[in-house]
Amino acid sequence: SAKNNLYKKSKATVDYYVDTNKPYTLDSVLTNIESKVLDSIYKNSEQESFLKTGNQFKFSYFLDEQNRLTHLFRNSGIYRFTKNAINFEADSTNAEYKSDVTIIINDSIGGVPFKIQKIKEVNIYTDYSYNSKDDPIKDSLIYNGYNFKAFKNLKYNPKLLLNSVFIEPNDLYNDENRELTRKHIRGLSNFRSVEINYTELPDDNLVASIRLTPLKKYS
């Protein structure tokens, strides 16, 4: 009907007025870090924390701090560390809109304590492919402490290839060196894929394996 059509064409606006309370700020920022190794690494970078007394209580700051600490530990030799090991407790029961915060960091994952781990060996496979991954190595070379291996023939100059490798034997595990290596090898435009994996040894040292799959024109 005409009445219904008129109703359908009608428009209304609603204005909401929200009266917010005073925002909470961080008061005391405490830590509960059971691992002496992690605690020592944390204290050396404590001044860079996103959680500081007087800062506004924002959820984003806690995410930033969790990411910062994960990046810190995984670039300080703690290969097993994950962000799930970090938790926060906040106590906002006191007056004056202030909240105490405790940073809680576990000392292990799956019952295995966090440790600083070194890279004992670096193996570089220059002609890796899924179909040949179980074949025997036919050519190998040790150059500057790196193990170069090939399923057929070594066709790359080890010295030049190492210009793009930032993972070093006897160095601490480091996420950034892993990503730098992947990025620079891809930049050579010789390889279709770059796969970098680590294997833990019984003595907690690591073996880094860099598996390079050549492009067809270089294979």
N, C-alpha and C. Protein backbone atom coordinates (compact mmCIF):
# COMPACT_ATOMS: atom_id res chain seq x y z
N SER A 1 0.85 -1.19 0.00
CA SER A 1 0.00 0.00 0.00
C SER A 1 0.87 1.24 0.00
N ALA A 2 0.22 2.41 -0.19
CA ALA A 2 0.97 3.67 -0.20
C ALA A 2 1.59 3.93 1.15
N LYS A 3 0.89 3.51 2.21
CA LYS A 3 1.42 3.72 3.56
C LYS A 3 2.70 2.91 3.80
N ASN A 4 2.70 1.65 3.33
CA ASN A 4 3.88 0.81 3.51
C ASN A 4 5.06 1.31 2.69
N ASN A 5 4.78 1.77 1.45
CA ASN A 5 5.85 2.31 0.62
C ASN A 5 6.47 3.54 1.26
N LEU A 6 5.65 4.36 1.87
CA LEU A 6 6.16 5.56 2.55
C LEU A 6 7.04 5.17 3.72
N TYR A 7 6.65 4.13 4.42
CA TYR A 7 7.42 3.68 5.59
C TYR A 7 8.79 3.13 5.16
N LYS A 8 8.81 2.40 4.05
CA LYS A 8 10.06 1.82 3.58
C LYS A 8 11.05 2.89 3.14
N LYS A 9 10.54 4.02 2.66
CA LYS A 9 11.43 5.06 2.18
C LYS A 9 11.89 5.99 3.30
N SER A 10 11.35 5.84 4.47
CA SER A 10 11.74 6.72 5.57
C SER A 10 13.12 6.35 6.08
N LYS A 11 13.86 7.34 6.54
CA LYS A 11 15.21 7.13 7.07
C LYS A 11 15.30 7.75 8.46
N ALA A 12 16.16 7.16 9.27
CA ALA A 12 16.37 7.69 10.62
C ALA A 12 17.84 7.62 10.96
N THR A 13 18.30 8.50 11.77
CA THR A 13 19.69 8.49 12.23
C THR A 13 19.70 8.43 13.74
N VAL A 14 20.74 7.75 14.25
CA VAL A 14 20.89 7.60 15.70
C VAL A 14 22.28 8.07 16.09
N ASP A 15 22.36 8.94 17.04
CA ASP A 15 23.64 9.42 17.56
C ASP A 15 23.88 8.78 18.92
N TYR A 16 25.10 8.20 19.09
CA TYR A 16 25.48 7.61 20.36
C TYR A 16 26.53 8.50 21.03
N TYR A 17 26.36 8.74 22.28
CA TYR A 17 27.34 9.51 23.05
C TYR A 17 27.90 8.60 24.14
N VAL A 18 29.21 8.30 24.02
CA VAL A 18 29.85 7.37 24.95
C VAL A 18 30.72 8.16 25.92
N ASP A 19 30.48 7.94 27.17
CA ASP A 19 31.26 8.59 28.21
C ASP A 19 32.25 7.57 28.76
N THR A 20 33.52 7.68 28.35
CA THR A 20 34.53 6.71 28.77
C THR A 20 35.17 7.12 30.08
N ASN A 21 35.59 6.10 30.83
CA ASN A 21 36.31 6.36 32.06
C ASN A 21 37.76 6.69 31.76
N LYS A 22 38.46 7.06 32.78
CA LYS A 22 39.89 7.36 32.65
C LYS A 22 40.64 6.07 32.30
N PRO A 23 41.55 6.10 31.29
CA PRO A 23 42.27 4.88 30.90
C PRO A 23 43.25 4.43 31.98
N TYR A 24 43.46 3.11 32.04
CA TYR A 24 44.44 2.56 32.97
C TYR A 24 45.85 2.80 32.43
N THR A 25 46.78 2.95 33.34
CA THR A 25 48.19 3.03 32.98
C THR A 25 48.94 1.91 33.70
N LEU A 26 50.12 1.59 33.18
CA LEU A 26 50.94 0.55 33.78
C LEU A 26 51.67 1.11 35.00
N ASP A 27 51.60 0.37 36.08
CA ASP A 27 52.31 0.79 37.30
C ASP A 27 53.62 -0.01 37.39
N SER A 28 53.68 -1.02 38.21
CA SER A 28 54.88 -1.84 38.31
C SER A 28 54.90 -2.88 37.19
N VAL A 29 56.05 -3.04 36.54
CA VAL A 29 56.24 -4.07 35.52
C VAL A 29 57.26 -5.07 36.08
N LEU A 30 56.78 -6.25 36.42
CA LEU A 30 57.60 -7.26 37.06
C LEU A 30 57.86 -8.42 36.10
N THR A 31 58.81 -9.28 36.44
CA THR A 31 59.09 -10.46 35.62
C THR A 31 59.12 -11.71 36.49
N ASN A 32 58.71 -12.79 35.88
CA ASN A 32 58.82 -14.12 36.50
C ASN A 32 59.42 -15.03 35.45
N ILE A 33 60.77 -15.05 35.39
CA ILE A 33 61.50 -15.81 34.38
C ILE A 33 62.32 -16.87 35.10
N GLU A 34 61.90 -18.11 35.00
CA GLU A 34 62.54 -19.19 35.75
C GLU A 34 63.93 -19.52 35.19
N SER A 35 64.08 -19.44 33.89
CA SER A 35 65.36 -19.79 33.26
C SER A 35 66.39 -18.67 33.47
N LYS A 36 67.54 -19.02 34.02
CA LYS A 36 68.60 -18.04 34.22
C LYS A 36 69.15 -17.54 32.88
N VAL A 37 69.17 -18.44 31.90
CA VAL A 37 69.66 -18.07 30.56
C VAL A 37 68.75 -17.01 29.95
N LEU A 38 67.44 -17.26 29.97
CA LEU A 38 66.49 -16.31 29.40
C LEU A 38 66.46 -15.01 30.19
N ASP A 39 66.57 -15.12 31.51
CA ASP A 39 66.54 -13.93 32.36
C ASP A 39 67.71 -13.02 32.06
N SER A 40 68.89 -13.61 31.85
CA SER A 40 70.08 -12.81 31.53
C SER A 40 69.93 -12.09 30.20
N ILE A 41 69.39 -12.79 29.19
CA ILE A 41 69.18 -12.17 27.88
C ILE A 41 68.14 -11.06 27.98
N TYR A 42 67.08 -11.31 28.75
CA TYR A 42 66.02 -10.31 28.92
C TYR A 42 66.57 -9.03 29.56
N LYS A 43 67.34 -9.17 30.61
CA LYS A 43 67.83 -8.00 31.35
C LYS A 43 68.73 -7.12 30.49
N ASN A 44 69.44 -7.73 29.54
CA ASN A 44 70.33 -6.94 28.68
C ASN A 44 69.56 -6.06 27.70
N SER A 45 68.26 -6.33 27.52
CA SER A 45 67.47 -5.53 26.59
C SER A 45 66.22 -4.97 27.25
N GLU A 46 66.20 -4.95 28.59
CA GLU A 46 65.01 -4.54 29.32
C GLU A 46 64.57 -3.13 28.97
N GLN A 47 65.53 -2.25 28.66
CA GLN A 47 65.20 -0.86 28.37
C GLN A 47 64.43 -0.72 27.07
N GLU A 48 64.41 -1.76 26.23
CA GLU A 48 63.70 -1.70 24.96
C GLU A 48 62.26 -2.22 25.06
N SER A 49 61.83 -2.56 26.26
CA SER A 49 60.50 -3.14 26.45
C SER A 49 59.39 -2.16 26.06
N PHE A 50 58.29 -2.72 25.54
CA PHE A 50 57.11 -1.92 25.22
C PHE A 50 56.23 -1.69 26.45
N LEU A 51 56.55 -2.41 27.54
CA LEU A 51 55.77 -2.30 28.77
C LEU A 51 56.59 -1.53 29.79
N LYS A 52 56.24 -0.26 29.99
CA LYS A 52 56.98 0.60 30.90
C LYS A 52 56.02 1.33 31.82
N THR A 53 56.48 1.58 33.02
CA THR A 53 55.66 2.30 34.00
C THR A 53 55.21 3.64 33.42
N GLY A 54 53.92 3.90 33.53
CA GLY A 54 53.36 5.16 33.03
C GLY A 54 52.72 5.05 31.66
N ASN A 55 53.06 3.97 30.92
CA ASN A 55 52.44 3.79 29.60
C ASN A 55 50.96 3.43 29.76
N GLN A 56 50.15 3.81 28.79
CA GLN A 56 48.74 3.44 28.83
C GLN A 56 48.59 1.93 28.66
N PHE A 57 47.62 1.36 29.33
CA PHE A 57 47.36 -0.07 29.26
C PHE A 57 46.69 -0.37 27.92
N LYS A 58 47.47 -0.86 26.96
CA LYS A 58 46.96 -1.19 25.63
C LYS A 58 47.32 -2.62 25.29
N PHE A 59 46.35 -3.36 24.73
CA PHE A 59 46.58 -4.75 24.35
C PHE A 59 47.69 -4.85 23.30
N SER A 60 47.77 -3.87 22.41
CA SER A 60 48.78 -3.91 21.35
C SER A 60 50.19 -3.90 21.91
N TYR A 61 50.40 -3.22 23.05
CA TYR A 61 51.72 -3.20 23.67
C TYR A 61 52.15 -4.59 24.12
N PHE A 62 51.20 -5.38 24.60
CA PHE A 62 51.52 -6.73 25.04
C PHE A 62 51.89 -7.62 23.85
N LEU A 63 51.18 -7.46 22.73
CA LEU A 63 51.53 -8.20 21.53
C LEU A 63 52.91 -7.80 21.02
N ASP A 64 53.19 -6.49 21.04
CA ASP A 64 54.50 -6.00 20.60
C ASP A 64 55.61 -6.55 21.47
N GLU A 65 55.37 -6.62 22.79
CA GLU A 65 56.39 -7.13 23.70
C GLU A 65 56.59 -8.63 23.51
N GLN A 66 55.52 -9.35 23.27
CA GLN A 66 55.63 -10.79 23.02
C GLN A 66 56.45 -11.05 21.75
N ASN A 67 56.19 -10.29 20.70
CA ASN A 67 56.94 -10.44 19.46
C ASN A 67 58.40 -10.01 19.64
N ARG A 68 58.63 -8.95 20.41
CA ARG A 68 60.00 -8.48 20.65
C ARG A 68 60.81 -9.54 21.37
N LEU A 69 60.24 -10.12 22.41
CA LEU A 69 60.97 -11.11 23.19
C LEU A 69 61.22 -12.39 22.39
N THR A 70 60.24 -12.80 21.59
CA THR A 70 60.43 -13.98 20.75
C THR A 70 61.57 -13.75 19.77
N HIS A 71 61.59 -12.59 19.14
CA HIS A 71 62.66 -12.21 18.22
C HIS A 71 64.00 -12.15 18.95
N LEU A 72 64.01 -11.60 20.14
CA LEU A 72 65.23 -11.47 20.93
C LEU A 72 65.83 -12.83 21.24
N PHE A 73 65.03 -13.73 21.78
CA PHE A 73 65.53 -15.04 22.20
C PHE A 73 65.96 -15.89 21.01
N ARG A 74 65.18 -15.85 19.93
CA ARG A 74 65.50 -16.69 18.78
C ARG A 74 66.68 -16.15 17.97
N ASN A 75 67.10 -14.94 18.26
CA ASN A 75 68.31 -14.40 17.66
C ASN A 75 69.46 -14.35 18.65
N SER A 76 69.28 -15.04 19.77
CA SER A 76 70.34 -15.14 20.80
C SER A 76 70.68 -16.59 21.08
N GLY A 77 70.39 -17.47 20.12
CA GLY A 77 70.78 -18.86 20.26
C GLY A 77 69.72 -19.79 20.80
N ILE A 78 68.53 -19.28 21.18
CA ILE A 78 67.49 -20.12 21.76
C ILE A 78 66.63 -20.68 20.62
N TYR A 79 67.10 -21.74 20.01
CA TYR A 79 66.46 -22.31 18.82
C TYR A 79 65.05 -22.81 19.11
N ARG A 80 64.81 -23.37 20.29
CA ARG A 80 63.52 -23.99 20.59
C ARG A 80 62.44 -22.99 21.01
N PHE A 81 62.80 -21.74 21.20
CA PHE A 81 61.86 -20.79 21.80
C PHE A 81 60.69 -20.47 20.86
N THR A 82 59.48 -20.39 21.44
CA THR A 82 58.28 -19.96 20.73
C THR A 82 57.54 -18.94 21.57
N LYS A 83 56.72 -18.12 20.93
CA LYS A 83 56.01 -17.06 21.65
C LYS A 83 55.00 -17.61 22.65
N ASN A 84 54.61 -18.88 22.50
CA ASN A 84 53.67 -19.48 23.44
C ASN A 84 54.26 -19.62 24.84
N ALA A 85 55.56 -19.46 24.96
CA ALA A 85 56.21 -19.56 26.27
C ALA A 85 56.06 -18.27 27.08
N ILE A 86 55.47 -17.23 26.47
CA ILE A 86 55.34 -15.93 27.13
C ILE A 86 53.88 -15.70 27.52
N ASN A 87 53.67 -15.34 28.78
CA ASN A 87 52.34 -15.00 29.27
C ASN A 87 52.41 -13.72 30.10
N PHE A 88 51.26 -13.09 30.31
CA PHE A 88 51.19 -11.86 31.09
C PHE A 88 50.09 -11.98 32.14
N GLU A 89 50.35 -11.39 33.31
CA GLU A 89 49.33 -11.28 34.35
C GLU A 89 49.20 -9.81 34.72
N ALA A 90 47.97 -9.33 34.78
CA ALA A 90 47.72 -7.93 35.11
C ALA A 90 46.83 -7.85 36.35
N ASP A 91 47.19 -6.99 37.28
CA ASP A 91 46.42 -6.76 38.50
C ASP A 91 45.95 -5.31 38.50
N SER A 92 44.64 -5.12 38.28
CA SER A 92 44.08 -3.76 38.21
C SER A 92 43.16 -3.49 39.39
N THR A 93 43.39 -4.18 40.51
CA THR A 93 42.51 -4.02 41.67
C THR A 93 42.83 -2.77 42.48
N ASN A 94 44.02 -2.22 42.27
CA ASN A 94 44.36 -1.02 43.05
C ASN A 94 43.64 0.21 42.49
N ALA A 95 43.65 1.26 43.24
CA ALA A 95 42.92 2.48 42.87
C ALA A 95 43.73 3.32 41.88
N GLU A 96 43.17 4.44 41.50
CA GLU A 96 43.84 5.44 40.67
C GLU A 96 44.14 4.93 39.25
N TYR A 97 43.36 3.95 38.78
CA TYR A 97 43.45 3.49 37.39
C TYR A 97 44.88 3.07 37.00
N LYS A 98 45.52 2.33 37.88
CA LYS A 98 46.85 1.80 37.60
C LYS A 98 46.83 0.28 37.68
N SER A 99 47.66 -0.35 36.87
CA SER A 99 47.68 -1.81 36.82
C SER A 99 49.12 -2.32 36.92
N ASP A 100 49.33 -3.28 37.81
CA ASP A 100 50.61 -3.97 37.87
C ASP A 100 50.63 -5.09 36.84
N VAL A 101 51.77 -5.28 36.18
CA VAL A 101 51.89 -6.30 35.15
C VAL A 101 53.09 -7.20 35.45
N THR A 102 52.90 -8.50 35.27
CA THR A 102 53.99 -9.47 35.43
C THR A 102 54.20 -10.20 34.11
N ILE A 103 55.43 -10.19 33.63
CA ILE A 103 55.80 -10.94 32.42
C ILE A 103 56.27 -12.31 32.87
N ILE A 104 55.57 -13.35 32.41
CA ILE A 104 55.88 -14.72 32.81
C ILE A 104 56.45 -15.46 31.61
N ILE A 105 57.65 -16.03 31.76
CA ILE A 105 58.28 -16.77 30.67
C ILE A 105 58.66 -18.16 31.17
N ASN A 106 58.14 -19.18 30.51
CA ASN A 106 58.44 -20.56 30.89
C ASN A 106 59.92 -20.86 30.70
N ASP A 107 60.40 -21.88 31.41
CA ASP A 107 61.82 -22.24 31.30
C ASP A 107 62.05 -23.43 30.39
N SER A 108 60.98 -23.95 29.77
CA SER A 108 61.13 -25.13 28.92
C SER A 108 59.94 -25.22 27.97
N ILE A 109 60.05 -26.13 27.01
CA ILE A 109 58.95 -26.44 26.11
C ILE A 109 58.87 -27.96 26.01
N GLY A 110 57.70 -28.50 26.29
CA GLY A 110 57.55 -29.95 26.29
C GLY A 110 58.45 -30.64 27.29
N GLY A 111 58.77 -29.93 28.38
CA GLY A 111 59.63 -30.51 29.40
C GLY A 111 61.11 -30.41 29.09
N VAL A 112 61.48 -29.86 27.93
CA VAL A 112 62.90 -29.72 27.54
C VAL A 112 63.33 -28.28 27.80
N PRO A 113 64.30 -28.05 28.70
CA PRO A 113 64.70 -26.68 29.06
C PRO A 113 65.25 -25.91 27.86
N PHE A 114 65.01 -24.61 27.85
CA PHE A 114 65.59 -23.75 26.82
C PHE A 114 67.10 -23.63 27.04
N LYS A 115 67.84 -23.72 25.95
CA LYS A 115 69.30 -23.60 26.02
C LYS A 115 69.80 -22.77 24.85
N ILE A 116 70.98 -22.19 25.03
CA ILE A 116 71.66 -21.55 23.91
C ILE A 116 72.29 -22.66 23.07
N GLN A 117 71.97 -22.69 21.78
CA GLN A 117 72.45 -23.76 20.91
C GLN A 117 73.30 -23.21 19.78
N LYS A 118 74.40 -23.92 19.52
CA LYS A 118 75.32 -23.53 18.46
C LYS A 118 75.14 -24.42 17.22
N ILE A 119 75.59 -23.90 16.10
CA ILE A 119 75.57 -24.64 14.84
C ILE A 119 76.91 -25.36 14.68
N LYS A 120 76.88 -26.67 14.70
CA LYS A 120 78.10 -27.46 14.63
C LYS A 120 78.54 -27.70 13.20
N GLU A 121 77.57 -27.93 12.32
CA GLU A 121 77.87 -28.21 10.91
C GLU A 121 76.91 -27.45 10.01
N VAL A 122 77.40 -27.12 8.81
CA VAL A 122 76.53 -26.53 7.78
C VAL A 122 76.72 -27.36 6.51
N ASN A 123 75.65 -28.03 6.10
CA ASN A 123 75.67 -28.82 4.87
C ASN A 123 74.91 -28.10 3.78
N ILE A 124 75.53 -27.95 2.61
CA ILE A 124 74.89 -27.27 1.49
C ILE A 124 74.75 -28.26 0.33
N TYR A 125 73.50 -28.58 0.00
CA TYR A 125 73.20 -29.49 -1.10
C TYR A 125 72.89 -28.64 -2.33
N THR A 126 73.73 -28.73 -3.35
CA THR A 126 73.62 -27.79 -4.48
C THR A 126 72.70 -28.27 -5.59
N ASP A 127 72.26 -29.53 -5.56
CA ASP A 127 71.37 -30.03 -6.63
C ASP A 127 70.26 -30.88 -6.02
N TYR A 128 69.65 -30.37 -4.98
CA TYR A 128 68.62 -31.12 -4.27
C TYR A 128 67.31 -31.16 -5.07
N SER A 129 66.65 -32.29 -5.02
CA SER A 129 65.28 -32.43 -5.54
C SER A 129 64.58 -33.51 -4.72
N TYR A 130 63.28 -33.43 -4.68
CA TYR A 130 62.52 -34.39 -3.88
C TYR A 130 62.72 -35.82 -4.40
N ASN A 131 62.81 -35.97 -5.70
CA ASN A 131 62.95 -37.31 -6.30
C ASN A 131 64.30 -37.94 -5.99
N SER A 132 65.32 -37.11 -5.74
CA SER A 132 66.66 -37.66 -5.51
C SER A 132 67.10 -37.56 -4.05
N LYS A 133 66.18 -37.17 -3.16
CA LYS A 133 66.57 -36.89 -1.77
C LYS A 133 67.14 -38.11 -1.04
N ASP A 134 66.78 -39.32 -1.51
CA ASP A 134 67.28 -40.54 -0.85
C ASP A 134 68.45 -41.17 -1.60
N ASP A 135 68.88 -40.53 -2.67
CA ASP A 135 70.02 -41.05 -3.44
C ASP A 135 71.32 -40.79 -2.69
N PRO A 136 72.36 -41.58 -2.97
CA PRO A 136 73.65 -41.34 -2.32
C PRO A 136 74.33 -40.08 -2.86
N ILE A 137 75.14 -39.46 -2.02
CA ILE A 137 75.93 -38.29 -2.43
C ILE A 137 77.10 -38.78 -3.28
N LYS A 138 77.27 -38.19 -4.48
CA LYS A 138 78.33 -38.63 -5.39
C LYS A 138 79.52 -37.66 -5.43
N ASP A 139 79.29 -36.43 -4.99
CA ASP A 139 80.38 -35.43 -5.04
C ASP A 139 80.29 -34.57 -3.80
N SER A 140 81.44 -34.28 -3.19
CA SER A 140 81.43 -33.47 -1.97
C SER A 140 82.73 -32.71 -1.84
N LEU A 141 82.66 -31.65 -1.05
CA LEU A 141 83.83 -30.79 -0.86
C LEU A 141 83.68 -30.04 0.45
N ILE A 142 84.77 -29.91 1.20
CA ILE A 142 84.77 -29.10 2.42
C ILE A 142 85.52 -27.81 2.11
N TYR A 143 84.84 -26.70 2.28
CA TYR A 143 85.46 -25.39 1.98
C TYR A 143 85.13 -24.43 3.11
N ASN A 144 86.16 -23.89 3.76
CA ASN A 144 86.01 -22.94 4.87
C ASN A 144 85.08 -23.46 5.97
N GLY A 145 85.13 -24.76 6.19
CA GLY A 145 84.31 -25.36 7.25
C GLY A 145 82.91 -25.72 6.83
N TYR A 146 82.54 -25.47 5.58
CA TYR A 146 81.22 -25.82 5.05
C TYR A 146 81.31 -27.12 4.26
N ASN A 147 80.28 -27.96 4.39
CA ASN A 147 80.22 -29.21 3.65
C ASN A 147 79.34 -29.04 2.42
N PHE A 148 79.97 -29.03 1.24
CA PHE A 148 79.22 -28.94 -0.01
C PHE A 148 78.97 -30.36 -0.53
N LYS A 149 77.72 -30.64 -0.89
CA LYS A 149 77.36 -31.98 -1.31
C LYS A 149 76.50 -31.92 -2.57
N ALA A 150 76.67 -32.95 -3.42
CA ALA A 150 75.87 -33.00 -4.65
C ALA A 150 75.50 -34.45 -4.94
N PHE A 151 74.30 -34.63 -5.47
CA PHE A 151 73.85 -35.97 -5.85
C PHE A 151 74.43 -36.38 -7.19
N LYS A 152 74.88 -35.36 -7.98
CA LYS A 152 75.54 -35.65 -9.25
C LYS A 152 76.94 -35.02 -9.23
N ASN A 153 77.03 -33.76 -9.64
CA ASN A 153 78.33 -33.08 -9.66
C ASN A 153 78.21 -31.68 -9.05
N LEU A 154 79.25 -31.27 -8.33
CA LEU A 154 79.29 -29.90 -7.81
C LEU A 154 79.60 -28.95 -8.96
N LYS A 155 78.65 -28.10 -9.30
CA LYS A 155 78.83 -27.21 -10.45
C LYS A 155 78.88 -25.74 -10.05
N TYR A 156 78.97 -25.49 -8.75
CA TYR A 156 78.97 -24.10 -8.29
C TYR A 156 80.26 -23.79 -7.57
N ASN A 157 80.73 -22.58 -7.74
CA ASN A 157 81.95 -22.14 -7.07
C ASN A 157 81.64 -21.92 -5.59
N PRO A 158 82.20 -22.73 -4.68
CA PRO A 158 81.89 -22.59 -3.25
C PRO A 158 82.17 -21.20 -2.70
N LYS A 159 83.25 -20.59 -3.12
CA LYS A 159 83.61 -19.26 -2.62
C LYS A 159 82.54 -18.24 -2.98
N LEU A 160 82.06 -18.28 -4.22
CA LEU A 160 81.04 -17.32 -4.64
C LEU A 160 79.70 -17.61 -3.97
N LEU A 161 79.36 -18.89 -3.83
CA LEU A 161 78.09 -19.25 -3.21
C LEU A 161 78.05 -18.83 -1.75
N LEU A 162 79.19 -18.90 -1.06
CA LEU A 162 79.24 -18.54 0.36
C LEU A 162 79.05 -17.03 0.58
N ASN A 163 79.17 -16.24 -0.46
CA ASN A 163 78.88 -14.80 -0.32
C ASN A 163 77.42 -14.56 0.04
N SER A 164 76.58 -15.56 -0.23
CA SER A 164 75.15 -15.43 0.06
C SER A 164 74.71 -16.26 1.26
N VAL A 165 75.67 -16.84 1.98
CA VAL A 165 75.36 -17.68 3.14
C VAL A 165 75.81 -16.97 4.41
N PHE A 166 74.86 -16.73 5.33
CA PHE A 166 75.16 -16.03 6.58
C PHE A 166 75.08 -16.94 7.81
N ILE A 167 74.83 -18.21 7.56
CA ILE A 167 74.84 -19.21 8.63
C ILE A 167 76.25 -19.76 8.72
N GLU A 168 76.88 -19.64 9.88
CA GLU A 168 78.27 -20.03 10.01
C GLU A 168 78.46 -21.14 11.03
N PRO A 169 79.38 -22.09 10.74
CA PRO A 169 79.69 -23.12 11.73
C PRO A 169 80.24 -22.49 13.01
N ASN A 170 79.85 -23.07 14.15
CA ASN A 170 80.28 -22.63 15.49
C ASN A 170 79.65 -21.32 15.93
N ASP A 171 78.69 -20.81 15.15
CA ASP A 171 77.97 -19.60 15.54
C ASP A 171 76.70 -20.00 16.27
N LEU A 172 76.11 -19.05 17.03
CA LEU A 172 74.85 -19.30 17.69
C LEU A 172 73.72 -19.33 16.68
N TYR A 173 72.65 -20.09 17.00
CA TYR A 173 71.49 -20.07 16.14
C TYR A 173 70.93 -18.65 16.08
N ASN A 174 70.49 -18.25 14.89
CA ASN A 174 70.01 -16.89 14.70
C ASN A 174 68.97 -16.87 13.57
N ASP A 175 67.74 -16.48 13.91
CA ASP A 175 66.66 -16.42 12.91
C ASP A 175 67.01 -15.49 11.76
N GLU A 176 67.61 -14.35 12.08
CA GLU A 176 67.89 -13.35 11.05
C GLU A 176 68.89 -13.87 10.02
N ASN A 177 69.92 -14.61 10.48
CA ASN A 177 70.89 -15.17 9.54
C ASN A 177 70.25 -16.20 8.62
N ARG A 178 69.29 -16.92 9.16
CA ARG A 178 68.55 -17.89 8.34
C ARG A 178 67.78 -17.18 7.23
N GLU A 179 67.07 -16.11 7.58
CA GLU A 179 66.28 -15.38 6.59
C GLU A 179 67.17 -14.63 5.59
N LEU A 180 68.29 -14.09 6.07
CA LEU A 180 69.23 -13.41 5.17
C LEU A 180 69.78 -14.38 4.13
N THR A 181 70.12 -15.58 4.59
CA THR A 181 70.64 -16.59 3.67
C THR A 181 69.61 -16.96 2.62
N ARG A 182 68.38 -17.19 3.05
CA ARG A 182 67.32 -17.53 2.10
C ARG A 182 67.11 -16.40 1.09
N LYS A 183 67.08 -15.17 1.57
CA LYS A 183 66.85 -14.02 0.70
C LYS A 183 67.97 -13.84 -0.32
N HIS A 184 69.22 -13.94 0.12
CA HIS A 184 70.35 -13.68 -0.78
C HIS A 184 70.54 -14.80 -1.79
N ILE A 185 70.30 -16.05 -1.39
CA ILE A 185 70.42 -17.14 -2.35
C ILE A 185 69.34 -17.04 -3.42
N ARG A 186 68.13 -16.68 -3.00
CA ARG A 186 67.06 -16.47 -3.99
C ARG A 186 67.43 -15.36 -4.96
N GLY A 187 68.14 -14.36 -4.45
CA GLY A 187 68.54 -13.24 -5.29
C GLY A 187 69.54 -13.62 -6.37
N LEU A 188 70.17 -14.77 -6.24
CA LEU A 188 71.12 -15.22 -7.27
C LEU A 188 70.41 -15.63 -8.55
N SER A 189 69.11 -15.95 -8.44
CA SER A 189 68.29 -16.36 -9.59
C SER A 189 68.80 -17.64 -10.25
N ASN A 190 69.52 -18.46 -9.50
CA ASN A 190 70.00 -19.75 -10.01
C ASN A 190 69.16 -20.92 -9.51
N PHE A 191 68.38 -20.67 -8.44
CA PHE A 191 67.72 -21.78 -7.77
C PHE A 191 66.21 -21.57 -7.72
N ARG A 192 65.51 -22.67 -7.97
CA ARG A 192 64.05 -22.64 -7.96
C ARG A 192 63.51 -22.59 -6.54
N SER A 193 64.20 -23.24 -5.61
CA SER A 193 63.77 -23.22 -4.21
C SER A 193 64.97 -23.29 -3.29
N VAL A 194 64.80 -22.72 -2.10
CA VAL A 194 65.83 -22.72 -1.06
C VAL A 194 65.17 -23.22 0.22
N GLU A 195 65.66 -24.34 0.71
CA GLU A 195 65.09 -24.94 1.92
C GLU A 195 66.18 -25.01 2.98
N ILE A 196 65.91 -24.43 4.15
CA ILE A 196 66.89 -24.41 5.24
C ILE A 196 66.27 -25.05 6.47
N ASN A 197 66.87 -26.15 6.90
CA ASN A 197 66.37 -26.87 8.07
C ASN A 197 67.49 -27.10 9.08
N TYR A 198 67.09 -27.37 10.31
CA TYR A 198 68.05 -27.63 11.38
C TYR A 198 67.72 -28.95 12.05
N THR A 199 68.75 -29.69 12.40
CA THR A 199 68.60 -30.95 13.13
C THR A 199 69.37 -30.84 14.44
N GLU A 200 68.72 -31.26 15.53
CA GLU A 200 69.37 -31.21 16.84
C GLU A 200 70.18 -32.47 17.08
N LEU A 201 71.39 -32.29 17.57
CA LEU A 201 72.27 -33.40 17.90
C LEU A 201 72.10 -33.76 19.38
N PRO A 202 72.56 -34.96 19.80
CA PRO A 202 72.44 -35.35 21.21
C PRO A 202 73.11 -34.37 22.18
N ASP A 203 74.13 -33.64 21.72
CA ASP A 203 74.80 -32.68 22.60
C ASP A 203 74.16 -31.30 22.53
N ASP A 204 72.95 -31.19 21.92
CA ASP A 204 72.17 -29.96 21.79
C ASP A 204 72.71 -29.00 20.75
N ASN A 205 73.83 -29.35 20.08
CA ASN A 205 74.26 -28.54 18.95
C ASN A 205 73.35 -28.80 17.76
N LEU A 206 73.51 -27.97 16.72
CA LEU A 206 72.63 -28.05 15.56
C LEU A 206 73.41 -28.34 14.28
N VAL A 207 72.76 -29.04 13.37
CA VAL A 207 73.27 -29.21 12.01
C VAL A 207 72.33 -28.44 11.08
N ALA A 208 72.89 -27.48 10.35
CA ALA A 208 72.09 -26.71 9.40
C ALA A 208 72.22 -27.34 8.02
N SER A 209 71.09 -27.58 7.37
CA SER A 209 71.09 -28.14 6.03
C SER A 209 70.43 -27.15 5.07
N ILE A 210 71.21 -26.71 4.09
CA ILE A 210 70.71 -25.78 3.08
C ILE A 210 70.54 -26.56 1.79
N ARG A 211 69.30 -26.77 1.38
CA ARG A 211 69.01 -27.58 0.20
C ARG A 211 68.58 -26.67 -0.95
N LEU A 212 69.36 -26.69 -2.01
CA LEU A 212 69.14 -25.80 -3.15
C LEU A 212 68.68 -26.62 -4.35
N THR A 213 67.55 -26.21 -4.91
CA THR A 213 67.04 -26.88 -6.12
C THR A 213 67.28 -25.96 -7.31
N PRO A 214 68.18 -26.33 -8.23
CA PRO A 214 68.51 -25.44 -9.36
C PRO A 214 67.34 -25.26 -10.31
N LEU A 215 67.32 -24.12 -10.97
CA LEU A 215 66.41 -23.92 -12.08
C LEU A 215 66.82 -24.85 -13.23
N LYS A 216 65.92 -25.15 -14.12
CA LYS A 216 66.20 -26.11 -15.18
C LYS A 216 67.39 -25.69 -16.03
N LYS A 217 67.51 -24.40 -16.29
CA LYS A 217 68.61 -23.96 -17.17
C LYS A 217 69.97 -24.08 -16.50
N TYR A 218 69.97 -24.28 -15.16
CA TYR A 218 71.25 -24.45 -14.46
C TYR A 218 71.44 -25.87 -13.98
N SER A 219 70.40 -26.71 -14.09
CA SER A 219 70.49 -28.06 -13.52
C SER A 219 71.35 -28.98 -14.39
